[in-house]
Amino acid sequence: MADAGSPVVHVYERGDNWTGRRGPARSVGVLDEETFQRGRASVEEGGPKGLDIDRSNSVIAVTCEEQALAFYPLASVLGSGIGPGLAP
């Protein structure tokens, strides 16, 4: 999940279903502080606005106004020990 108010992407565990409140299983920085602050006109801005995962499930693309497009290995975002039951 992209968080426009912070420089990170949050990863959540799906579990058995999507009911109830959940906190992120992992949060991964995708913008450096300088880039994040350039877009920080309010507390709701500056961070990633969108993300997508390629068809091979190996690359995640992240975008925001200050960083048009960045690519990361999906494994680096998911981290070790996190299986296929996750939703970005």
C-alpha atoms as a PDB file:
ATOM      1  CA  MET A   1       0.000   0.000   0.000  1.00  0.00           C
ATOM      2  CA  ALA A   2       1.383   3.402  -0.964  1.00  0.00           C
ATOM      3  CA  ASP A   3       1.215   6.080   1.753  1.00  0.00           C
ATOM      4  CA  ALA A   4       1.193   9.577   0.245  1.00  0.00           C
ATOM      5  CA  GLY A   5       1.924  11.086   3.681  1.00  0.00           C
ATOM      6  CA  SER A   6       5.170   9.173   4.270  1.00  0.00           C
ATOM      7  CA  PRO A   7       8.161   7.988   2.206  1.00  0.00           C
ATOM      8  CA  VAL A   8       7.308   4.295   2.588  1.00  0.00           C
ATOM      9  CA  VAL A   9       5.281   1.459   1.098  1.00  0.00           C
ATOM     10  CA  HIS A  10       3.432  -0.708   3.624  1.00  0.00           C
ATOM     11  CA  VAL A  11       3.028  -4.477   3.232  1.00  0.00           C
ATOM     12  CA  TYR A  12       0.112  -6.190   4.975  1.00  0.00           C
ATOM     13  CA  GLU A  13      -0.493  -9.846   5.767  1.00  0.00           C
ATOM     14  CA  ARG A  14      -3.746 -11.098   4.335  1.00  0.00           C
ATOM     15  CA  GLY A  15      -4.374 -13.838   6.895  1.00  0.00           C
ATOM     16  CA  ASP A  16      -7.580 -15.855   6.606  1.00  0.00           C
ATOM     17  CA  ASN A  17      -9.653 -12.871   5.452  1.00  0.00           C
ATOM     18  CA  TRP A  18      -9.626  -9.081   5.159  1.00  0.00           C
ATOM     19  CA  THR A  19     -11.837  -8.276   8.168  1.00  0.00           C
ATOM     20  CA  GLY A  20     -10.704  -6.258  11.165  1.00  0.00           C
ATOM     21  CA  ARG A  21      -7.958  -3.707  11.703  1.00  0.00           C
ATOM     22  CA  ARG A  22      -4.435  -4.599  10.701  1.00  0.00           C
ATOM     23  CA  GLY A  23      -1.107  -2.899  10.978  1.00  0.00           C
ATOM     24  CA  PRO A  24       1.608  -3.287   8.368  1.00  0.00           C
ATOM     25  CA  ALA A  25       3.737  -6.428   8.578  1.00  0.00           C
ATOM     26  CA  ARG A  26       6.562  -4.413   7.053  1.00  0.00           C
ATOM     27  CA  SER A  27       7.180  -0.832   5.918  1.00  0.00           C
ATOM     28  CA  VAL A  28       9.863  -0.159   3.310  1.00  0.00           C
ATOM     29  CA  GLY A  29      11.328   3.239   2.454  1.00  0.00           C
ATOM     30  CA  VAL A  30      11.056   3.994  -1.257  1.00  0.00           C
ATOM     31  CA  LEU A  31      11.975   7.705  -1.212  1.00  0.00           C
ATOM     32  CA  ASP A  32      15.010   9.378   0.240  1.00  0.00           C
ATOM     33  CA  GLU A  33      14.348  12.205   2.713  1.00  0.00           C
ATOM     34  CA  GLU A  34      15.289  15.002   0.279  1.00  0.00           C
ATOM     35  CA  THR A  35      12.903  13.749  -2.425  1.00  0.00           C
ATOM     36  CA  PHE A  36      10.134  13.223   0.120  1.00  0.00           C
ATOM     37  CA  GLN A  37      10.524  16.735   1.583  1.00  0.00           C
ATOM     38  CA  ARG A  38      10.426  18.378  -1.886  1.00  0.00           C
ATOM     39  CA  GLY A  39       6.883  17.082  -2.342  1.00  0.00           C
ATOM     40  CA  ARG A  40       5.774  17.711   1.243  1.00  0.00           C
ATOM     41  CA  ALA A  41       3.334  20.624   0.754  1.00  0.00           C
ATOM     42  CA  SER A  42       1.080  19.169   3.503  1.00  0.00           C
ATOM     43  CA  VAL A  43       0.987  16.176   5.870  1.00  0.00           C
ATOM     44  CA  GLU A  44      -0.902  14.217   3.209  1.00  0.00           C
ATOM     45  CA  GLU A  45       1.663  14.719   0.444  1.00  0.00           C
ATOM     46  CA  GLY A  46       5.241  13.919  -0.518  1.00  0.00           C
ATOM     47  CA  GLY A  47       5.149  10.143  -0.531  1.00  0.00           C
ATOM     48  CA  PRO A  48       4.353   7.531  -3.154  1.00  0.00           C
ATOM     49  CA  LYS A  49       1.003   7.965  -4.880  1.00  0.00           C
ATOM     50  CA  GLY A  50       0.836   4.673  -6.702  1.00  0.00           C
ATOM     51  CA  LEU A  51       2.425   1.281  -7.122  1.00  0.00           C
ATOM     52  CA  ASP A  52       2.148  -1.745  -9.321  1.00  0.00           C
ATOM     53  CA  ILE A  53       3.670  -5.219  -9.477  1.00  0.00           C
ATOM     54  CA  ASP A  54       4.734  -6.670 -12.817  1.00  0.00           C
ATOM     55  CA  ARG A  55       3.153  -9.821 -14.240  1.00  0.00           C
ATOM     56  CA  SER A  56       6.096 -11.991 -13.191  1.00  0.00           C
ATOM     57  CA  ASN A  57       5.654 -10.856  -9.551  1.00  0.00           C
ATOM     58  CA  SER A  58       9.301  -9.901  -9.370  1.00  0.00           C
ATOM     59  CA  VAL A  59       9.336  -6.090  -9.734  1.00  0.00           C
ATOM     60  CA  ILE A  60       7.400  -3.356  -7.949  1.00  0.00           C
ATOM     61  CA  ALA A  61       7.044   0.069  -9.585  1.00  0.00           C
ATOM     62  CA  VAL A  62       6.417   3.130  -7.391  1.00  0.00           C
ATOM     63  CA  THR A  63       5.584   6.652  -8.510  1.00  0.00           C
ATOM     64  CA  CYS A  64       5.029  10.122  -7.065  1.00  0.00           C
ATOM     65  CA  GLU A  65       5.262  13.691  -8.327  1.00  0.00           C
ATOM     66  CA  GLU A  66       8.879  14.166  -7.214  1.00  0.00           C
ATOM     67  CA  GLN A  67      10.072  10.757  -8.464  1.00  0.00           C
ATOM     68  CA  ALA A  68       8.341   9.899 -11.709  1.00  0.00           C
ATOM     69  CA  LEU A  69       9.006   6.147 -11.574  1.00  0.00           C
ATOM     70  CA  ALA A  70      11.216   3.847  -9.523  1.00  0.00           C
ATOM     71  CA  PHE A  71      11.599   0.064  -9.712  1.00  0.00           C
ATOM     72  CA  TYR A  72      12.497  -2.296  -6.837  1.00  0.00           C
ATOM     73  CA  PRO A  73      12.859  -6.078  -6.612  1.00  0.00           C
ATOM     74  CA  LEU A  74       9.622  -7.315  -5.036  1.00  0.00           C
ATOM     75  CA  ALA A  75      11.599  -9.672  -2.792  1.00  0.00           C
ATOM     76  CA  SER A  76      13.339  -6.675  -1.189  1.00  0.00           C
ATOM     77  CA  VAL A  77       9.973  -5.108  -0.359  1.00  0.00           C
ATOM     78  CA  LEU A  78       8.400  -8.294   0.977  1.00  0.00           C
ATOM     79  CA  GLY A  79      11.469  -9.263   3.019  1.00  0.00           C
ATOM     80  CA  SER A  80      12.489 -12.694   4.169  1.00  0.00           C
ATOM     81  CA  GLY A  81      10.009 -15.073   5.680  1.00  0.00           C
ATOM     82  CA  ILE A  82       6.981 -13.397   4.140  1.00  0.00           C
ATOM     83  CA  GLY A  83       5.013 -15.698   1.917  1.00  0.00           C
ATOM     84  CA  PRO A  84       2.464 -15.345  -0.865  1.00  0.00           C
ATOM     85  CA  GLY A  85      -0.403 -14.471   1.519  1.00  0.00           C
ATOM     86  CA  LEU A  86       0.476 -10.768   1.373  1.00  0.00           C
ATOM     87  CA  ALA A  87      -1.075  -7.810  -0.317  1.00  0.00           C
ATOM     88  CA  PRO A  88       1.010  -4.713  -1.065  1.00  0.00           C
END
